[in-house]
Amino acid sequence: MDRTERLLDLVALFLDAREPISWAELREHFPHDYMGISDDAAERKFERDKAELLELGFPLTYIQGDDERKDGYIVNRDAYYLPEVDLTKEELAVLYAAGSAALTSGAFPGRDDLSHALRKIGFFAGNALPTPRVRMELGTDQASPQLAAHLEQLWEACAGHKWVQMTYVSPKRPESTERKVDPYGLVLRRGSWTLVGYCHLRQEVRTFQVHRIRSLKVNTARPRSPDFEVPEGFAFDDHVASYPWQHRFHPRVDVRLRLTGELASRAASLFPGGTVAPATEGEGVLVDLPVTFLDGFLRFCLQLGPACRVESPEEARTRVKEMATSILEKHGVREVAA
């Protein structure tokens, strides 16, 4: 019996058991694997099998018997089985639509796992799920076959904590560089996939746009042994910007805004991470937040209209006036109010 088949049979045996299984009983169930060799060799072989089961998340433990049960190996069923998820038909439909849109996008990691999950949802929901009318478009670069292949490789590397070797073209310079990276995870934001990981060349955590990776190879040595651990406290939000003003293009500038009218009640949702307080003078609320890409921030503010006003610093007030003047000039208007 090969090892994979033996491991599957061990799982089936332990899940079917209603009481602990002793070492002697295990040898009887697997005579071709744990018998016919020395006791020490058989025990070492089972220890390797047990270690692999534990690595795969199978909670196998050994217990000392008492008056009510015997010694042996047993599975912690509470730790093994997930609690039943009681979703409504509407919630299942939303999950199915989102998953289907991700699959049809052409580039989404974990496609096989996602397809399997959707089949399960469809099976349990019966005829309750309509054909979803949802489409996800990631753009020309994002939908390339090379991107899809790289996302699958990175998905496996992130899950197995295996380093990758890649040829990368940065948007800041034309020449490519060779990078060895410990991949911490993948982020999809605003239609673009980003890899976040520790770059051995730069000796720090860096971000990489996946569509700029020209070649990729995952470390295949010792596939069941992780090459690295993700640092405790690591967070994607510390490295991948969610909003235009969070891109780290320039030194930090602390900006204050005044929001009035309907925008005042939406201040926290419009500017996450900002400090919102009622204005002590004048109307509306004041929002203070750090900005590392001033032009991106001011473009967003201009979209909100006159109910969003830049209060400080002076460089931000000057710049937003310049941007507004440029826009109005294109429409034949020459003057902008201060």
C-alpha atoms as a PDB file:
ATOM      1  CA  MET A   1       0.000   0.000   0.000  1.00  0.00           C
ATOM      2  CA  ASP A   2       1.448   3.412  -0.939  1.00  0.00           C
ATOM      3  CA  ARG A   3       1.674   6.167   1.640  1.00  0.00           C
ATOM      4  CA  THR A   4      -1.191   8.299   0.345  1.00  0.00           C
ATOM      5  CA  GLU A   5      -3.586   5.371   0.373  1.00  0.00           C
ATOM      6  CA  ARG A   6      -2.428   4.392   3.867  1.00  0.00           C
ATOM      7  CA  LEU A   7      -2.988   7.919   5.193  1.00  0.00           C
ATOM      8  CA  LEU A   8      -6.499   8.008   3.735  1.00  0.00           C
ATOM      9  CA  ASP A   9      -7.279   4.625   5.265  1.00  0.00           C
ATOM     10  CA  LEU A  10      -5.965   5.822   8.628  1.00  0.00           C
ATOM     11  CA  VAL A  11      -8.244   8.873   8.490  1.00  0.00           C
ATOM     12  CA  ALA A  12     -11.243   6.695   7.623  1.00  0.00           C
ATOM     13  CA  LEU A  13     -10.414   4.251  10.418  1.00  0.00           C
ATOM     14  CA  PHE A  14     -10.094   6.925  13.108  1.00  0.00           C
ATOM     15  CA  LEU A  15     -13.214   8.808  12.024  1.00  0.00           C
ATOM     16  CA  ASP A  16     -15.238   5.598  12.059  1.00  0.00           C
ATOM     17  CA  ALA A  17     -13.970   4.518  15.494  1.00  0.00           C
ATOM     18  CA  ARG A  18     -16.172   5.032  18.543  1.00  0.00           C
ATOM     19  CA  GLU A  19     -13.401   4.340  21.061  1.00  0.00           C
ATOM     20  CA  PRO A  20      -9.606   4.768  21.179  1.00  0.00           C
ATOM     21  CA  ILE A  21      -7.598   2.493  18.857  1.00  0.00           C
ATOM     22  CA  SER A  22      -4.580   0.854  20.428  1.00  0.00           C
ATOM     23  CA  TRP A  23      -1.200   0.359  18.736  1.00  0.00           C
ATOM     24  CA  ALA A  24      -1.807  -3.375  18.607  1.00  0.00           C
ATOM     25  CA  GLU A  25      -5.123  -2.820  16.819  1.00  0.00           C
ATOM     26  CA  LEU A  26      -3.480  -0.458  14.343  1.00  0.00           C
ATOM     27  CA  ARG A  27      -0.939  -3.142  13.445  1.00  0.00           C
ATOM     28  CA  GLU A  28      -3.737  -5.630  12.922  1.00  0.00           C
ATOM     29  CA  HIS A  29      -5.589  -3.225  10.613  1.00  0.00           C
ATOM     30  CA  PHE A  30      -2.425  -2.542   8.579  1.00  0.00           C
ATOM     31  CA  PRO A  31      -0.499  -5.855   8.574  1.00  0.00           C
ATOM     32  CA  HIS A  32       1.403  -5.049   5.366  1.00  0.00           C
ATOM     33  CA  ASP A  33       2.606  -1.713   6.700  1.00  0.00           C
ATOM     34  CA  TYR A  34       3.187  -2.064  10.451  1.00  0.00           C
ATOM     35  CA  MET A  35       3.808  -5.808  10.733  1.00  0.00           C
ATOM     36  CA  GLY A  36       6.461  -8.008   9.191  1.00  0.00           C
ATOM     37  CA  ILE A  37       9.138  -5.537  10.345  1.00  0.00           C
ATOM     38  CA  SER A  38      10.751  -4.903  13.721  1.00  0.00           C
ATOM     39  CA  ASP A  39       8.740  -3.169  16.419  1.00  0.00           C
ATOM     40  CA  ASP A  40      11.051  -0.135  16.320  1.00  0.00           C
ATOM     41  CA  ALA A  41      10.770   0.167  12.535  1.00  0.00           C
ATOM     42  CA  ALA A  42       6.964  -0.150  12.691  1.00  0.00           C
ATOM     43  CA  GLU A  43       6.700   2.525  15.382  1.00  0.00           C
ATOM     44  CA  ARG A  44       8.952   4.912  13.418  1.00  0.00           C
ATOM     45  CA  LYS A  45       6.837   4.359  10.326  1.00  0.00           C
ATOM     46  CA  PHE A  46       3.629   5.138  12.183  1.00  0.00           C
ATOM     47  CA  GLU A  47       5.201   8.197  13.825  1.00  0.00           C
ATOM     48  CA  ARG A  48       5.994   9.560  10.358  1.00  0.00           C
ATOM     49  CA  ASP A  49       2.425   8.879   9.255  1.00  0.00           C
ATOM     50  CA  LYS A  50       1.042  10.487  12.387  1.00  0.00           C
ATOM     51  CA  ALA A  51       3.235  13.562  11.943  1.00  0.00           C
ATOM     52  CA  GLU A  52       1.959  13.995   8.387  1.00  0.00           C
ATOM     53  CA  LEU A  53      -1.656  13.662   9.525  1.00  0.00           C
ATOM     54  CA  LEU A  54      -1.081  16.328  12.176  1.00  0.00           C
ATOM     55  CA  GLU A  55       0.553  18.589   9.597  1.00  0.00           C
ATOM     56  CA  LEU A  56      -2.526  18.204   7.398  1.00  0.00           C
ATOM     57  CA  GLY A  57      -4.714  19.364  10.271  1.00  0.00           C
ATOM     58  CA  PHE A  58      -6.000  15.976  11.428  1.00  0.00           C
ATOM     59  CA  PRO A  59      -6.272  16.274  15.272  1.00  0.00           C
ATOM     60  CA  LEU A  60      -5.024  12.814  16.295  1.00  0.00           C
ATOM     61  CA  THR A  61      -4.030  12.387  19.949  1.00  0.00           C
ATOM     62  CA  TYR A  62      -3.082   9.552  22.300  1.00  0.00           C
ATOM     63  CA  ILE A  63      -4.995   9.203  25.579  1.00  0.00           C
ATOM     64  CA  GLN A  64      -4.335   7.186  28.704  1.00  0.00           C
ATOM     65  CA  GLY A  65      -7.211   4.884  29.514  1.00  0.00           C
ATOM     66  CA  ASP A  66      -9.260   4.768  32.693  1.00  0.00           C
ATOM     67  CA  ASP A  67     -12.114   2.718  34.073  1.00  0.00           C
ATOM     68  CA  GLU A  68     -14.395   3.839  31.247  1.00  0.00           C
ATOM     69  CA  ARG A  69     -12.151   3.504  28.204  1.00  0.00           C
ATOM     70  CA  LYS A  70      -8.894   1.933  27.074  1.00  0.00           C
ATOM     71  CA  ASP A  71      -5.581   3.445  26.027  1.00  0.00           C
ATOM     72  CA  GLY A  72      -5.194   4.429  22.380  1.00  0.00           C
ATOM     73  CA  TYR A  73      -5.372   6.991  19.628  1.00  0.00           C
ATOM     74  CA  ILE A  74      -8.471   9.098  19.141  1.00  0.00           C
ATOM     75  CA  VAL A  75      -9.614  12.042  17.030  1.00  0.00           C
ATOM     76  CA  ASN A  76     -10.829  15.264  18.593  1.00  0.00           C
ATOM     77  CA  ARG A  77     -14.042  15.522  16.583  1.00  0.00           C
ATOM     78  CA  ASP A  78     -14.873  19.002  17.875  1.00  0.00           C
ATOM     79  CA  ALA A  79     -11.580  20.252  16.431  1.00  0.00           C
ATOM     80  CA  TYR A  80     -11.932  18.294  13.175  1.00  0.00           C
ATOM     81  CA  TYR A  81     -15.494  19.049  12.072  1.00  0.00           C
ATOM     82  CA  LEU A  82     -16.523  22.604  11.254  1.00  0.00           C
ATOM     83  CA  PRO A  83     -19.811  23.853  12.689  1.00  0.00           C
ATOM     84  CA  GLU A  84     -22.685  23.847  10.232  1.00  0.00           C
ATOM     85  CA  VAL A  85     -23.088  27.167   8.428  1.00  0.00           C
ATOM     86  CA  ASP A  86     -26.766  28.042   8.272  1.00  0.00           C
ATOM     87  CA  LEU A  87     -27.015  30.433   5.315  1.00  0.00           C
ATOM     88  CA  THR A  88     -30.242  31.671   3.788  1.00  0.00           C
ATOM     89  CA  LYS A  89     -30.986  31.116   0.095  1.00  0.00           C
ATOM     90  CA  GLU A  90     -30.322  34.796  -0.534  1.00  0.00           C
ATOM     91  CA  GLU A  91     -26.909  34.576   1.160  1.00  0.00           C
ATOM     92  CA  LEU A  92     -26.034  31.454  -0.835  1.00  0.00           C
ATOM     93  CA  ALA A  93     -27.042  33.250  -4.026  1.00  0.00           C
ATOM     94  CA  VAL A  94     -24.742  36.185  -3.234  1.00  0.00           C
ATOM     95  CA  LEU A  95     -21.799  33.853  -2.516  1.00  0.00           C
ATOM     96  CA  TYR A  96     -22.468  31.909  -5.691  1.00  0.00           C
ATOM     97  CA  ALA A  97     -22.668  35.064  -7.800  1.00  0.00           C
ATOM     98  CA  ALA A  98     -19.456  36.508  -6.345  1.00  0.00           C
ATOM     99  CA  GLY A  99     -17.582  33.235  -6.774  1.00  0.00           C
ATOM    100  CA  SER A 100     -18.833  32.790 -10.341  1.00  0.00           C
ATOM    101  CA  ALA A 101     -17.769  36.329 -11.237  1.00  0.00           C
ATOM    102  CA  ALA A 102     -14.303  35.665  -9.825  1.00  0.00           C
ATOM    103  CA  LEU A 103     -13.956  32.481 -11.884  1.00  0.00           C
ATOM    104  CA  THR A 104     -15.028  34.157 -15.117  1.00  0.00           C
ATOM    105  CA  SER A 105     -12.576  37.030 -14.597  1.00  0.00           C
ATOM    106  CA  GLY A 106      -9.840  34.848 -16.108  1.00  0.00           C
ATOM    107  CA  ALA A 107      -7.297  35.470 -13.342  1.00  0.00           C
ATOM    108  CA  PHE A 108      -8.168  34.430  -9.819  1.00  0.00           C
ATOM    109  CA  PRO A 109      -6.014  32.276  -7.481  1.00  0.00           C
ATOM    110  CA  GLY A 110      -7.325  29.045  -6.012  1.00  0.00           C
ATOM    111  CA  ARG A 111      -9.591  28.407  -8.998  1.00  0.00           C
ATOM    112  CA  ASP A 112      -9.873  24.661  -8.343  1.00  0.00           C
ATOM    113  CA  ASP A 113     -10.802  25.215  -4.682  1.00  0.00           C
ATOM    114  CA  LEU A 114     -13.277  27.916  -5.654  1.00  0.00           C
ATOM    115  CA  SER A 115     -14.883  25.720  -8.330  1.00  0.00           C
ATOM    116  CA  HIS A 116     -15.251  22.898  -5.810  1.00  0.00           C
ATOM    117  CA  ALA A 117     -16.847  25.248  -3.272  1.00  0.00           C
ATOM    118  CA  LEU A 118     -19.316  26.555  -5.871  1.00  0.00           C
ATOM    119  CA  ARG A 119     -20.329  23.023  -6.790  1.00  0.00           C
ATOM    120  CA  LYS A 120     -21.073  22.361  -3.121  1.00  0.00           C
ATOM    121  CA  ILE A 121     -23.135  25.550  -2.849  1.00  0.00           C
ATOM    122  CA  GLY A 122     -25.070  24.635  -5.967  1.00  0.00           C
ATOM    123  CA  PHE A 123     -25.708  21.107  -4.712  1.00  0.00           C
ATOM    124  CA  PHE A 124     -27.048  22.143  -1.321  1.00  0.00           C
ATOM    125  CA  ALA A 125     -29.080  25.045  -2.686  1.00  0.00           C
ATOM    126  CA  GLY A 126     -30.811  22.897  -5.296  1.00  0.00           C
ATOM    127  CA  ASN A 127     -32.791  25.043  -7.727  1.00  0.00           C
ATOM    128  CA  ALA A 128     -32.702  28.113  -5.483  1.00  0.00           C
ATOM    129  CA  LEU A 129     -29.716  29.701  -7.235  1.00  0.00           C
ATOM    130  CA  PRO A 130     -30.417  31.665 -10.417  1.00  0.00           C
ATOM    131  CA  THR A 131     -27.751  32.114 -13.076  1.00  0.00           C
ATOM    132  CA  PRO A 132     -25.762  35.092 -11.730  1.00  0.00           C
ATOM    133  CA  ARG A 133     -25.690  38.202 -13.893  1.00  0.00           C
ATOM    134  CA  VAL A 134     -22.371  39.428 -12.537  1.00  0.00           C
ATOM    135  CA  ARG A 135     -19.129  40.084 -14.369  1.00  0.00           C
ATOM    136  CA  MET A 136     -15.694  41.034 -13.073  1.00  0.00           C
ATOM    137  CA  GLU A 137     -13.308  42.767 -15.476  1.00  0.00           C
ATOM    138  CA  LEU A 138      -9.682  43.230 -14.468  1.00  0.00           C
ATOM    139  CA  GLY A 139      -8.411  44.853 -17.658  1.00  0.00           C
ATOM    140  CA  THR A 140      -6.120  43.633 -20.447  1.00  0.00           C
ATOM    141  CA  ASP A 141      -2.978  43.228 -18.346  1.00  0.00           C
ATOM    142  CA  GLN A 142      -4.923  41.635 -15.540  1.00  0.00           C
ATOM    143  CA  ALA A 143      -6.586  39.000 -17.715  1.00  0.00           C
ATOM    144  CA  SER A 144      -3.475  37.593 -19.406  1.00  0.00           C
ATOM    145  CA  PRO A 145      -2.844  33.807 -19.274  1.00  0.00           C
ATOM    146  CA  GLN A 146       0.548  34.499 -17.687  1.00  0.00           C
ATOM    147  CA  LEU A 147      -1.106  36.382 -14.835  1.00  0.00           C
ATOM    148  CA  ALA A 148      -3.530  33.512 -14.174  1.00  0.00           C
ATOM    149  CA  ALA A 149      -0.641  31.014 -14.030  1.00  0.00           C
ATOM    150  CA  HIS A 150       1.410  33.249 -11.728  1.00  0.00           C
ATOM    151  CA  LEU A 151      -1.539  33.759  -9.377  1.00  0.00           C
ATOM    152  CA  GLU A 152      -1.973  29.986  -9.024  1.00  0.00           C
ATOM    153  CA  GLN A 153       1.734  29.547  -8.260  1.00  0.00           C
ATOM    154  CA  LEU A 154       1.709  32.365  -5.731  1.00  0.00           C
ATOM    155  CA  TRP A 155      -1.460  30.992  -4.130  1.00  0.00           C
ATOM    156  CA  GLU A 156       0.302  27.684  -3.481  1.00  0.00           C
ATOM    157  CA  ALA A 157       3.509  29.400  -2.337  1.00  0.00           C
ATOM    158  CA  CYS A 158       1.625  31.604   0.157  1.00  0.00           C
ATOM    159  CA  ALA A 159      -0.277  28.611   1.520  1.00  0.00           C
ATOM    160  CA  GLY A 160       2.851  26.455   1.855  1.00  0.00           C
ATOM    161  CA  HIS A 161       5.116  29.317   3.025  1.00  0.00           C
ATOM    162  CA  LYS A 162       7.623  28.608   0.229  1.00  0.00           C
ATOM    163  CA  TRP A 163       9.893  31.310  -1.171  1.00  0.00           C
ATOM    164  CA  VAL A 164       9.696  32.247  -4.847  1.00  0.00           C
ATOM    165  CA  GLN A 165      12.288  33.393  -7.364  1.00  0.00           C
ATOM    166  CA  MET A 166      10.989  35.886  -9.894  1.00  0.00           C
ATOM    167  CA  THR A 167      11.976  38.313 -12.610  1.00  0.00           C
ATOM    168  CA  TYR A 168      10.255  41.616 -11.886  1.00  0.00           C
ATOM    169  CA  VAL A 169       9.871  44.857 -13.833  1.00  0.00           C
ATOM    170  CA  SER A 170       9.263  47.789 -11.514  1.00  0.00           C
ATOM    171  CA  PRO A 171       7.155  50.740 -12.742  1.00  0.00           C
ATOM    172  CA  LYS A 172       9.953  53.014 -11.467  1.00  0.00           C
ATOM    173  CA  ARG A 173      12.721  51.678 -13.762  1.00  0.00           C
ATOM    174  CA  PRO A 174      12.804  49.992 -17.181  1.00  0.00           C
ATOM    175  CA  GLU A 175      15.237  47.174 -16.425  1.00  0.00           C
ATOM    176  CA  SER A 176      14.125  43.934 -14.741  1.00  0.00           C
ATOM    177  CA  THR A 177      15.578  42.571 -11.503  1.00  0.00           C
ATOM    178  CA  GLU A 178      15.831  39.089 -10.041  1.00  0.00           C
ATOM    179  CA  ARG A 179      14.058  38.815  -6.686  1.00  0.00           C
ATOM    180  CA  LYS A 180      13.862  36.119  -4.047  1.00  0.00           C
ATOM    181  CA  VAL A 181      10.676  36.777  -2.064  1.00  0.00           C
ATOM    182  CA  ASP A 182       8.940  35.172   0.912  1.00  0.00           C
ATOM    183  CA  PRO A 183       5.291  35.621  -0.179  1.00  0.00           C
ATOM    184  CA  TYR A 184       3.079  36.679   2.726  1.00  0.00           C
ATOM    185  CA  GLY A 185      -0.138  37.041   0.715  1.00  0.00           C
ATOM    186  CA  LEU A 186      -2.069  38.418  -2.248  1.00  0.00           C
ATOM    187  CA  VAL A 187      -4.325  41.465  -2.346  1.00  0.00           C
ATOM    188  CA  LEU A 188      -6.885  42.452  -4.994  1.00  0.00           C
ATOM    189  CA  ARG A 189      -7.685  46.132  -4.835  1.00  0.00           C
ATOM    190  CA  ARG A 190      -9.120  48.376  -7.533  1.00  0.00           C
ATOM    191  CA  GLY A 191      -8.749  45.633 -10.126  1.00  0.00           C
ATOM    192  CA  SER A 192      -5.045  44.972  -9.579  1.00  0.00           C
ATOM    193  CA  TRP A 193      -3.386  41.994  -7.873  1.00  0.00           C
ATOM    194  CA  THR A 194      -0.504  42.780  -5.515  1.00  0.00           C
ATOM    195  CA  LEU A 195       1.945  40.366  -3.900  1.00  0.00           C
ATOM    196  CA  VAL A 196       3.159  41.368  -0.441  1.00  0.00           C
ATOM    197  CA  GLY A 197       6.257  39.670   0.922  1.00  0.00           C
ATOM    198  CA  TYR A 198       9.786  39.928   2.263  1.00  0.00           C
ATOM    199  CA  CYS A 199      12.241  40.825  -0.512  1.00  0.00           C
ATOM    200  CA  HIS A 200      15.684  39.320   0.124  1.00  0.00           C
ATOM    201  CA  LEU A 201      17.263  41.795  -2.322  1.00  0.00           C
ATOM    202  CA  ARG A 202      15.932  44.902  -0.560  1.00  0.00           C
ATOM    203  CA  GLN A 203      15.955  43.292   2.920  1.00  0.00           C
ATOM    204  CA  GLU A 204      12.450  44.477   3.786  1.00  0.00           C
ATOM    205  CA  VAL A 205       8.769  43.866   3.123  1.00  0.00           C
ATOM    206  CA  ARG A 206       7.888  45.033  -0.380  1.00  0.00           C
ATOM    207  CA  THR A 207       4.866  45.001  -2.687  1.00  0.00           C
ATOM    208  CA  PHE A 208       4.895  43.686  -6.254  1.00  0.00           C
ATOM    209  CA  GLN A 209       2.250  44.103  -8.955  1.00  0.00           C
ATOM    210  CA  VAL A 210       1.652  40.564 -10.128  1.00  0.00           C
ATOM    211  CA  HIS A 211       1.122  41.530 -13.785  1.00  0.00           C
ATOM    212  CA  ARG A 212       4.696  42.927 -13.776  1.00  0.00           C
ATOM    213  CA  ILE A 213       6.214  39.546 -12.908  1.00  0.00           C
ATOM    214  CA  ARG A 214       7.880  38.196 -16.063  1.00  0.00           C
ATOM    215  CA  SER A 215       8.932  34.771 -14.752  1.00  0.00           C
ATOM    216  CA  LEU A 216       8.214  32.915 -11.542  1.00  0.00           C
ATOM    217  CA  LYS A 217       9.531  29.765  -9.886  1.00  0.00           C
ATOM    218  CA  VAL A 218       8.432  28.365  -6.524  1.00  0.00           C
ATOM    219  CA  ASN A 219      10.973  26.603  -4.307  1.00  0.00           C
ATOM    220  CA  THR A 220      10.250  22.878  -4.589  1.00  0.00           C
ATOM    221  CA  ALA A 221      12.787  21.653  -2.013  1.00  0.00           C
ATOM    222  CA  ARG A 222      11.207  20.014   1.050  1.00  0.00           C
ATOM    223  CA  PRO A 223       7.656  20.809  -0.092  1.00  0.00           C
ATOM    224  CA  ARG A 224       6.055  19.994   3.274  1.00  0.00           C
ATOM    225  CA  SER A 225       8.461  22.179   5.265  1.00  0.00           C
ATOM    226  CA  PRO A 226       7.814  25.940   5.382  1.00  0.00           C
ATOM    227  CA  ASP A 227      10.665  28.240   4.351  1.00  0.00           C
ATOM    228  CA  PHE A 228       9.482  31.170   6.472  1.00  0.00           C
ATOM    229  CA  GLU A 229       6.851  32.353   8.921  1.00  0.00           C
ATOM    230  CA  VAL A 230       4.691  35.427   8.455  1.00  0.00           C
ATOM    231  CA  PRO A 231       5.630  37.955  11.178  1.00  0.00           C
ATOM    232  CA  GLU A 232       3.203  38.329  14.038  1.00  0.00           C
ATOM    233  CA  GLY A 233       1.109  41.442  13.618  1.00  0.00           C
ATOM    234  CA  PHE A 234       1.569  41.593   9.841  1.00  0.00           C
ATOM    235  CA  ALA A 235      -1.292  43.451   8.124  1.00  0.00           C
ATOM    236  CA  PHE A 236      -1.900  44.055   4.426  1.00  0.00           C
ATOM    237  CA  ASP A 237      -3.234  47.551   5.110  1.00  0.00           C
ATOM    238  CA  ASP A 238       0.243  48.598   6.258  1.00  0.00           C
ATOM    239  CA  HIS A 239       1.634  47.905   2.794  1.00  0.00           C
ATOM    240  CA  VAL A 240      -1.141  48.072   0.165  1.00  0.00           C
ATOM    241  CA  ALA A 241      -3.034  51.329  -0.170  1.00  0.00           C
ATOM    242  CA  SER A 242      -6.822  51.182  -0.112  1.00  0.00           C
ATOM    243  CA  TYR A 243      -7.316  54.819  -1.159  1.00  0.00           C
ATOM    244  CA  PRO A 244      -5.424  57.137  -3.532  1.00  0.00           C
ATOM    245  CA  TRP A 245      -4.030  59.346  -0.790  1.00  0.00           C
ATOM    246  CA  GLN A 246      -2.414  56.360   0.938  1.00  0.00           C
ATOM    247  CA  HIS A 247       0.023  55.646  -1.895  1.00  0.00           C
ATOM    248  CA  ARG A 248       3.485  56.338  -0.499  1.00  0.00           C
ATOM    249  CA  PHE A 249       4.732  58.603  -3.300  1.00  0.00           C
ATOM    250  CA  HIS A 250       5.622  61.642  -1.179  1.00  0.00           C
ATOM    251  CA  PRO A 251       6.459  62.550   2.428  1.00  0.00           C
ATOM    252  CA  ARG A 252       3.496  62.613   4.761  1.00  0.00           C
ATOM    253  CA  VAL A 253       1.342  65.729   4.896  1.00  0.00           C
ATOM    254  CA  ASP A 254      -1.315  66.187   7.571  1.00  0.00           C
ATOM    255  CA  VAL A 255      -4.398  67.636   5.888  1.00  0.00           C
ATOM    256  CA  ARG A 256      -7.536  69.117   7.423  1.00  0.00           C
ATOM    257  CA  LEU A 257     -10.864  69.195   5.588  1.00  0.00           C
ATOM    258  CA  ARG A 258     -14.217  70.783   6.335  1.00  0.00           C
ATOM    259  CA  LEU A 259     -17.251  68.754   5.250  1.00  0.00           C
ATOM    260  CA  THR A 260     -20.677  70.358   5.226  1.00  0.00           C
ATOM    261  CA  GLY A 261     -24.208  69.431   4.233  1.00  0.00           C
ATOM    262  CA  GLU A 262     -24.858  65.770   3.499  1.00  0.00           C
ATOM    263  CA  LEU A 263     -21.113  65.013   3.406  1.00  0.00           C
ATOM    264  CA  ALA A 264     -20.738  65.801   7.114  1.00  0.00           C
ATOM    265  CA  SER A 265     -22.603  62.651   8.168  1.00  0.00           C
ATOM    266  CA  ARG A 266     -20.526  60.540   5.737  1.00  0.00           C
ATOM    267  CA  ALA A 267     -17.116  61.822   6.859  1.00  0.00           C
ATOM    268  CA  ALA A 268     -15.983  58.595   8.527  1.00  0.00           C
ATOM    269  CA  SER A 269     -16.926  56.418   5.544  1.00  0.00           C
ATOM    270  CA  LEU A 270     -15.490  58.824   2.957  1.00  0.00           C
ATOM    271  CA  PHE A 271     -12.139  59.160   4.743  1.00  0.00           C
ATOM    272  CA  PRO A 272     -11.431  55.964   6.743  1.00  0.00           C
ATOM    273  CA  GLY A 273      -8.607  56.386   9.203  1.00  0.00           C
ATOM    274  CA  GLY A 274      -9.230  60.097   9.575  1.00  0.00           C
ATOM    275  CA  THR A 275     -10.122  61.874  12.808  1.00  0.00           C
ATOM    276  CA  VAL A 276     -13.589  63.429  12.622  1.00  0.00           C
ATOM    277  CA  ALA A 277     -14.728  66.162  15.010  1.00  0.00           C
ATOM    278  CA  PRO A 278     -17.501  68.778  15.023  1.00  0.00           C
ATOM    279  CA  ALA A 279     -16.255  72.176  13.863  1.00  0.00           C
ATOM    280  CA  THR A 280     -15.937  74.617  16.788  1.00  0.00           C
ATOM    281  CA  GLU A 281     -16.213  77.549  14.386  1.00  0.00           C
ATOM    282  CA  GLY A 282     -18.403  77.542  11.316  1.00  0.00           C
ATOM    283  CA  GLU A 283     -20.537  74.680  10.133  1.00  0.00           C
ATOM    284  CA  GLY A 284     -19.944  71.013   9.398  1.00  0.00           C
ATOM    285  CA  VAL A 285     -17.235  68.706  10.678  1.00  0.00           C
ATOM    286  CA  LEU A 286     -13.445  68.758  10.477  1.00  0.00           C
ATOM    287  CA  VAL A 287     -11.495  65.755   9.222  1.00  0.00           C
ATOM    288  CA  ASP A 288      -7.764  65.353   9.927  1.00  0.00           C
ATOM    289  CA  LEU A 289      -5.819  62.622   8.164  1.00  0.00           C
ATOM    290  CA  PRO A 290      -2.297  61.836   6.931  1.00  0.00           C
ATOM    291  CA  VAL A 291      -1.725  61.998   3.163  1.00  0.00           C
ATOM    292  CA  THR A 292       1.240  60.609   1.231  1.00  0.00           C
ATOM    293  CA  PHE A 293      -0.077  61.332  -2.284  1.00  0.00           C
ATOM    294  CA  LEU A 294      -1.462  64.840  -2.204  1.00  0.00           C
ATOM    295  CA  ASP A 295      -2.651  65.095  -5.817  1.00  0.00           C
ATOM    296  CA  GLY A 296      -4.532  61.798  -5.581  1.00  0.00           C
ATOM    297  CA  PHE A 297      -6.182  63.019  -2.396  1.00  0.00           C
ATOM    298  CA  LEU A 298      -7.152  66.389  -3.856  1.00  0.00           C
ATOM    299  CA  ARG A 299      -8.637  64.806  -6.985  1.00  0.00           C
ATOM    300  CA  PHE A 300     -10.892  62.774  -4.717  1.00  0.00           C
ATOM    301  CA  CYS A 301     -11.866  65.911  -2.769  1.00  0.00           C
ATOM    302  CA  LEU A 302     -12.716  67.796  -5.959  1.00  0.00           C
ATOM    303  CA  GLN A 303     -15.090  65.022  -6.972  1.00  0.00           C
ATOM    304  CA  LEU A 304     -17.098  65.660  -3.793  1.00  0.00           C
ATOM    305  CA  GLY A 305     -17.919  69.216  -4.802  1.00  0.00           C
ATOM    306  CA  PRO A 306     -18.058  72.458  -2.779  1.00  0.00           C
ATOM    307  CA  ALA A 307     -19.239  70.686   0.380  1.00  0.00           C
ATOM    308  CA  CYS A 308     -15.675  69.374   0.756  1.00  0.00           C
ATOM    309  CA  ARG A 309     -13.209  72.200   1.450  1.00  0.00           C
ATOM    310  CA  VAL A 310      -9.456  71.996   2.167  1.00  0.00           C
ATOM    311  CA  GLU A 311      -8.651  73.947   5.341  1.00  0.00           C
ATOM    312  CA  SER A 312      -4.911  73.295   5.738  1.00  0.00           C
ATOM    313  CA  PRO A 313      -1.992  73.156   5.146  1.00  0.00           C
ATOM    314  CA  GLU A 314      -1.432  76.081   2.815  1.00  0.00           C
ATOM    315  CA  GLU A 315       0.374  73.948   0.232  1.00  0.00           C
ATOM    316  CA  ALA A 316      -2.727  71.755  -0.073  1.00  0.00           C
ATOM    317  CA  ARG A 317      -4.991  74.810  -0.424  1.00  0.00           C
ATOM    318  CA  THR A 318      -2.743  76.239  -3.135  1.00  0.00           C
ATOM    319  CA  ARG A 319      -2.541  72.974  -5.005  1.00  0.00           C
ATOM    320  CA  VAL A 320      -6.294  72.303  -4.981  1.00  0.00           C
ATOM    321  CA  LYS A 321      -6.895  75.829  -6.314  1.00  0.00           C
ATOM    322  CA  GLU A 322      -4.399  75.165  -9.137  1.00  0.00           C
ATOM    323  CA  MET A 323      -6.142  71.902 -10.008  1.00  0.00           C
ATOM    324  CA  ALA A 324      -9.592  73.478  -9.922  1.00  0.00           C
ATOM    325  CA  THR A 325      -8.363  76.393 -12.078  1.00  0.00           C
ATOM    326  CA  SER A 326      -6.978  73.976 -14.652  1.00  0.00           C
ATOM    327  CA  ILE A 327     -10.295  72.117 -14.807  1.00  0.00           C
ATOM    328  CA  LEU A 328     -12.354  75.281 -15.161  1.00  0.00           C
ATOM    329  CA  GLU A 329     -10.055  76.707 -17.842  1.00  0.00           C
ATOM    330  CA  LYS A 330     -10.692  73.629 -19.939  1.00  0.00           C
ATOM    331  CA  HIS A 331     -14.381  74.539 -19.721  1.00  0.00           C
ATOM    332  CA  GLY A 332     -13.846  78.182 -20.552  1.00  0.00           C
ATOM    333  CA  VAL A 333     -14.058  79.536 -16.976  1.00  0.00           C
ATOM    334  CA  ARG A 334     -11.212  81.836 -15.858  1.00  0.00           C
ATOM    335  CA  GLU A 335     -11.747  82.551 -12.160  1.00  0.00           C
ATOM    336  CA  VAL A 336     -11.754  80.325  -9.085  1.00  0.00           C
ATOM    337  CA  ALA A 337     -12.940  81.416  -5.659  1.00  0.00           C
ATOM    338  CA  ALA A 338     -10.359  81.155  -2.870  1.00  0.00           C
END
